[in-house]
């Protein structure tokens, strides 16, 4: 038996799997509930070329 997925159109937080009504609510939820996670990962990501990458101008 296959059950249909309800609320498949609603955004879902990938950290706690909480379903919210709108993308704005998801953004506010992540800024308040998971602020430490995003702050840590925002500071640790360095955007630079990997060794061996070739850039063509």
PDB file of N, CA and C in Angstrom:
ATOM      1  N   UNK A   1       0.846  -1.178   0.000  1.00  0.00           N
ATOM      2  CA  UNK A   1       0.000   0.000   0.000  1.00  0.00           C
ATOM      3  C   UNK A   1       0.893   1.243   0.000  1.00  0.00           C
ATOM      4  N   UNK A   2       0.617   2.171  -0.863  1.00  0.00           N
ATOM      5  CA  UNK A   2       1.387   3.395  -0.963  1.00  0.00           C
ATOM      6  C   UNK A   2       0.524   4.555  -0.499  1.00  0.00           C
ATOM      7  N   UNK A   3       1.074   5.324   0.428  1.00  0.00           N
ATOM      8  CA  UNK A   3       0.361   6.489   0.932  1.00  0.00           C
ATOM      9  C   UNK A   3       0.860   7.739   0.216  1.00  0.00           C
ATOM     10  N   UNK A   4      -0.045   8.632  -0.076  1.00  0.00           N
ATOM     11  CA  UNK A   4       0.355   9.869  -0.734  1.00  0.00           C
ATOM     12  C   UNK A   4       1.077  10.766   0.261  1.00  0.00           C
ATOM     13  N   UNK A   5       2.001  11.561  -0.257  1.00  0.00           N
ATOM     14  CA  UNK A   5       2.758  12.469   0.592  1.00  0.00           C
ATOM     15  C   UNK A   5       1.945  13.742   0.752  1.00  0.00           C
ATOM     16  N   UNK A   6       1.561  14.023   1.985  1.00  0.00           N
ATOM     17  CA  UNK A   6       0.867  15.281   2.249  1.00  0.00           C
ATOM     18  C   UNK A   6       1.904  16.339   2.572  1.00  0.00           C
ATOM     19  N   UNK A   7       1.608  17.543   2.318  1.00  0.00           N
ATOM     20  CA  UNK A   7       2.495  18.670   2.595  1.00  0.00           C
ATOM     21  C   UNK A   7       3.791  18.601   1.799  1.00  0.00           C
ATOM     22  N   UNK A   8       3.791  17.978   0.654  1.00  0.00           N
ATOM     23  CA  UNK A   8       5.025  17.892  -0.119  1.00  0.00           C
ATOM     24  C   UNK A   8       5.424  19.232  -0.729  1.00  0.00           C
ATOM     25  N   UNK A   9       4.505  20.188  -0.755  1.00  0.00           N
ATOM     26  CA  UNK A   9       4.791  21.502  -1.315  1.00  0.00           C
ATOM     27  C   UNK A   9       5.332  22.475  -0.265  1.00  0.00           C
ATOM     28  N   UNK A  10       5.356  22.072   1.005  1.00  0.00           N
ATOM     29  CA  UNK A  10       5.811  22.955   2.076  1.00  0.00           C
ATOM     30  C   UNK A  10       7.314  22.794   2.298  1.00  0.00           C
ATOM     31  N   UNK A  11       8.002  23.888   2.623  1.00  0.00           N
ATOM     32  CA  UNK A  11       9.443  23.786   2.890  1.00  0.00           C
ATOM     33  C   UNK A  11       9.709  23.036   4.190  1.00  0.00           C
ATOM     34  N   UNK A  12      10.856  22.358   4.236  1.00  0.00           N
ATOM     35  CA  UNK A  12      11.201  21.538   5.387  1.00  0.00           C
ATOM     36  C   UNK A  12      12.633  21.846   5.813  1.00  0.00           C
ATOM     37  N   UNK A  13      12.844  21.985   7.096  1.00  0.00           N
ATOM     38  CA  UNK A  13      14.173  22.221   7.631  1.00  0.00           C
ATOM     39  C   UNK A  13      14.963  20.922   7.535  1.00  0.00           C
ATOM     40  N   UNK A  14      16.132  20.974   6.908  1.00  0.00           N
ATOM     41  CA  UNK A  14      16.916  19.759   6.721  1.00  0.00           C
ATOM     42  C   UNK A  14      17.719  19.387   7.964  1.00  0.00           C
ATOM     43  N   UNK A  15      17.729  20.238   8.980  1.00  0.00           N
ATOM     44  CA  UNK A  15      18.439  19.908  10.210  1.00  0.00           C
ATOM     45  C   UNK A  15      17.546  19.183  11.215  1.00  0.00           C
ATOM     46  N   UNK A  16      16.320  19.664  11.398  1.00  0.00           N
ATOM     47  CA  UNK A  16      15.434  19.032  12.383  1.00  0.00           C
ATOM     48  C   UNK A  16      14.201  18.401  11.738  1.00  0.00           C
ATOM     49  N   UNK A  17      14.066  18.521  10.433  1.00  0.00           N
ATOM     50  CA  UNK A  17      12.968  17.931   9.653  1.00  0.00           C
ATOM     51  C   UNK A  17      11.597  18.475  10.039  1.00  0.00           C
ATOM     52  N   UNK A  18      11.565  19.702  10.495  1.00  0.00           N
ATOM     53  CA  UNK A  18      10.301  20.358  10.817  1.00  0.00           C
ATOM     54  C   UNK A  18       9.723  20.978   9.559  1.00  0.00           C
ATOM     55  N   UNK A  19       8.443  20.738   9.298  1.00  0.00           N
ATOM     56  CA  UNK A  19       7.769  21.296   8.129  1.00  0.00           C
ATOM     57  C   UNK A  19       7.146  22.634   8.503  1.00  0.00           C
ATOM     58  N   UNK A  20       7.378  23.641   7.657  1.00  0.00           N
ATOM     59  CA  UNK A  20       6.855  24.984   7.897  1.00  0.00           C
ATOM     60  C   UNK A  20       5.954  25.386   6.737  1.00  0.00           C
ATOM     61  N   UNK A  21       5.234  26.463   6.907  1.00  0.00           N
ATOM     62  CA  UNK A  21       4.252  26.887   5.913  1.00  0.00           C
ATOM     63  C   UNK A  21       4.864  27.615   4.725  1.00  0.00           C
ATOM     64  N   UNK A  22       5.796  28.529   4.992  1.00  0.00           N
ATOM     65  CA  UNK A  22       6.379  29.331   3.913  1.00  0.00           C
ATOM     66  C   UNK A  22       7.898  29.323   4.017  1.00  0.00           C
ATOM     67  N   UNK A  23       8.539  29.784   2.972  1.00  0.00           N
ATOM     68  CA  UNK A  23       9.994  29.857   2.953  1.00  0.00           C
ATOM     69  C   UNK A  23      10.488  30.923   3.925  1.00  0.00           C
ATOM     70  N   UNK A  24       9.716  31.968   4.138  1.00  0.00           N
ATOM     71  CA  UNK A  24      10.087  32.999   5.103  1.00  0.00           C
ATOM     72  C   UNK A  24      10.093  32.445   6.521  1.00  0.00           C
ATOM     73  N   UNK A  25       9.104  31.597   6.859  1.00  0.00           N
ATOM     74  CA  UNK A  25       9.079  30.960   8.170  1.00  0.00           C
ATOM     75  C   UNK A  25      10.271  30.027   8.335  1.00  0.00           C
ATOM     76  N   UNK A  26      10.640  29.342   7.273  1.00  0.00           N
ATOM     77  CA  UNK A  26      11.810  28.469   7.310  1.00  0.00           C
ATOM     78  C   UNK A  26      13.072  29.283   7.557  1.00  0.00           C
ATOM     79  N   UNK A  27      13.206  30.407   6.894  1.00  0.00           N
ATOM     80  CA  UNK A  27      14.368  31.272   7.065  1.00  0.00           C
ATOM     81  C   UNK A  27      14.459  31.773   8.509  1.00  0.00           C
ATOM     82  N   UNK A  28      13.320  32.226   9.064  1.00  0.00           N
ATOM     83  CA  UNK A  28      13.304  32.696  10.454  1.00  0.00           C
ATOM     84  C   UNK A  28      13.616  31.556  11.422  1.00  0.00           C
ATOM     85  N   UNK A  29      13.071  30.376  11.150  1.00  0.00           N
ATOM     86  CA  UNK A  29      13.314  29.203  11.988  1.00  0.00           C
ATOM     87  C   UNK A  29      14.800  28.860  12.018  1.00  0.00           C
ATOM     88  N   UNK A  30      15.446  28.870  10.867  1.00  0.00           N
ATOM     89  CA  UNK A  30      16.855  28.529  10.812  1.00  0.00           C
ATOM     90  C   UNK A  30      17.723  29.607  11.454  1.00  0.00           C
ATOM     91  N   UNK A  31      17.314  30.862  11.354  1.00  0.00           N
ATOM     92  CA  UNK A  31      18.077  31.938  11.982  1.00  0.00           C
ATOM     93  C   UNK A  31      17.977  31.901  13.495  1.00  0.00           C
ATOM     94  N   UNK A  32      16.870  31.415  14.034  1.00  0.00           N
ATOM     95  CA  UNK A  32      16.702  31.393  15.479  1.00  0.00           C
ATOM     96  C   UNK A  32      17.088  30.047  16.089  1.00  0.00           C
ATOM     97  N   UNK A  33      16.587  28.959  15.557  1.00  0.00           N
ATOM     98  CA  UNK A  33      16.809  27.643  16.146  1.00  0.00           C
ATOM     99  C   UNK A  33      18.191  27.074  15.840  1.00  0.00           C
ATOM    100  N   UNK A  34      18.717  27.324  14.674  1.00  0.00           N
ATOM    101  CA  UNK A  34      19.974  26.719  14.233  1.00  0.00           C
ATOM    102  C   UNK A  34      21.037  27.765  13.929  1.00  0.00           C
ATOM    103  N   UNK A  35      20.994  28.893  14.618  1.00  0.00           N
ATOM    104  CA  UNK A  35      21.920  29.987  14.342  1.00  0.00           C
ATOM    105  C   UNK A  35      23.369  29.565  14.552  1.00  0.00           C
ATOM    106  N   UNK A  36      23.642  28.777  15.580  1.00  0.00           N
ATOM    107  CA  UNK A  36      25.024  28.375  15.839  1.00  0.00           C
ATOM    108  C   UNK A  36      25.566  27.473  14.733  1.00  0.00           C
ATOM    109  N   UNK A  37      24.726  26.615  14.172  1.00  0.00           N
ATOM    110  CA  UNK A  37      25.144  25.734  13.077  1.00  0.00           C
ATOM    111  C   UNK A  37      25.532  26.550  11.857  1.00  0.00           C
ATOM    112  N   UNK A  38      24.686  27.486  11.471  1.00  0.00           N
ATOM    113  CA  UNK A  38      24.947  28.280  10.274  1.00  0.00           C
ATOM    114  C   UNK A  38      26.115  29.238  10.478  1.00  0.00           C
ATOM    115  N   UNK A  39      26.255  29.797  11.684  1.00  0.00           N
ATOM    116  CA  UNK A  39      27.363  30.695  11.957  1.00  0.00           C
ATOM    117  C   UNK A  39      28.690  29.940  11.882  1.00  0.00           C
ATOM    118  N   UNK A  40      28.734  28.746  12.422  1.00  0.00           N
ATOM    119  CA  UNK A  40      29.961  27.945  12.383  1.00  0.00           C
ATOM    120  C   UNK A  40      30.349  27.599  10.951  1.00  0.00           C
ATOM    121  N   UNK A  41      29.381  27.136  10.156  1.00  0.00           N
ATOM    122  CA  UNK A  41      29.684  26.715   8.795  1.00  0.00           C
ATOM    123  C   UNK A  41      29.927  27.884   7.845  1.00  0.00           C
ATOM    124  N   UNK A  42      29.366  29.025   8.133  1.00  0.00           N
ATOM    125  CA  UNK A  42      29.615  30.195   7.307  1.00  0.00           C
ATOM    126  C   UNK A  42      31.060  30.661   7.474  1.00  0.00           C
ATOM    127  N   UNK A  43      31.589  30.538   8.677  1.00  0.00           N
ATOM    128  CA  UNK A  43      32.951  30.990   8.939  1.00  0.00           C
ATOM    129  C   UNK A  43      34.003  29.984   8.489  1.00  0.00           C
ATOM    130  N   UNK A  44      33.649  28.710   8.368  1.00  0.00           N
ATOM    131  CA  UNK A  44      34.641  27.702   8.033  1.00  0.00           C
ATOM    132  C   UNK A  44      34.764  27.454   6.531  1.00  0.00           C
ATOM    133  N   UNK A  45      33.801  27.886   5.749  1.00  0.00           N
ATOM    134  CA  UNK A  45      33.867  27.651   4.312  1.00  0.00           C
ATOM    135  C   UNK A  45      34.788  28.679   3.655  1.00  0.00           C
ATOM    136  N   UNK A  46      35.805  28.180   2.996  1.00  0.00           N
ATOM    137  CA  UNK A  46      36.721  29.059   2.275  1.00  0.00           C
ATOM    138  C   UNK A  46      36.535  28.789   0.795  1.00  0.00           C
ATOM    139  N   UNK A  47      36.211  29.802   0.062  1.00  0.00           N
ATOM    140  CA  UNK A  47      36.011  29.675  -1.376  1.00  0.00           C
ATOM    141  C   UNK A  47      37.289  30.037  -2.105  1.00  0.00           C
ATOM    142  N   UNK A  48      38.071  29.032  -2.416  1.00  0.00           N
ATOM    143  CA  UNK A  48      39.302  29.250  -3.160  1.00  0.00           C
ATOM    144  C   UNK A  48      39.518  28.053  -4.072  1.00  0.00           C
ATOM    145  N   UNK A  49      40.318  28.218  -5.108  1.00  0.00           N
ATOM    146  CA  UNK A  49      40.548  27.115  -6.034  1.00  0.00           C
ATOM    147  C   UNK A  49      41.270  25.948  -5.338  1.00  0.00           C
ATOM    148  N   UNK A  50      40.907  24.759  -5.724  1.00  0.00           N
ATOM    149  CA  UNK A  50      41.584  23.563  -5.213  1.00  0.00           C
ATOM    150  C   UNK A  50      42.929  23.416  -5.916  1.00  0.00           C
ATOM    151  N   UNK A  51      43.881  22.721  -5.297  1.00  0.00           N
ATOM    152  CA  UNK A  51      45.163  22.517  -5.947  1.00  0.00           C
ATOM    153  C   UNK A  51      44.980  21.773  -7.273  1.00  0.00           C
ATOM    154  N   UNK A  52      45.583  22.284  -8.325  1.00  0.00           N
ATOM    155  CA  UNK A  52      45.468  21.656  -9.632  1.00  0.00           C
ATOM    156  C   UNK A  52      44.375  22.234 -10.504  1.00  0.00           C
ATOM    157  N   UNK A  53      43.529  23.108  -9.958  1.00  0.00           N
ATOM    158  CA  UNK A  53      42.497  23.734 -10.783  1.00  0.00           C
ATOM    159  C   UNK A  53      43.123  24.678 -11.782  1.00  0.00           C
ATOM    160  N   UNK A  54      42.569  24.708 -12.961  1.00  0.00           N
ATOM    161  CA  UNK A  54      43.071  25.585 -14.015  1.00  0.00           C
ATOM    162  C   UNK A  54      42.021  26.630 -14.321  1.00  0.00           C
ATOM    163  N   UNK A  55      42.429  27.890 -14.292  1.00  0.00           N
ATOM    164  CA  UNK A  55      41.515  28.980 -14.593  1.00  0.00           C
ATOM    165  C   UNK A  55      41.818  29.507 -15.977  1.00  0.00           C
ATOM    166  N   UNK A  56      40.787  29.605 -16.808  1.00  0.00           N
ATOM    167  CA  UNK A  56      40.948  30.097 -18.174  1.00  0.00           C
ATOM    168  C   UNK A  56      40.344  31.491 -18.245  1.00  0.00           C
ATOM    169  N   UNK A  57      41.153  32.448 -18.712  1.00  0.00           N
ATOM    170  CA  UNK A  57      40.661  33.811 -18.834  1.00  0.00           C
ATOM    171  C   UNK A  57      40.343  34.106 -20.275  1.00  0.00           C
TER     172      UNK A  57
END
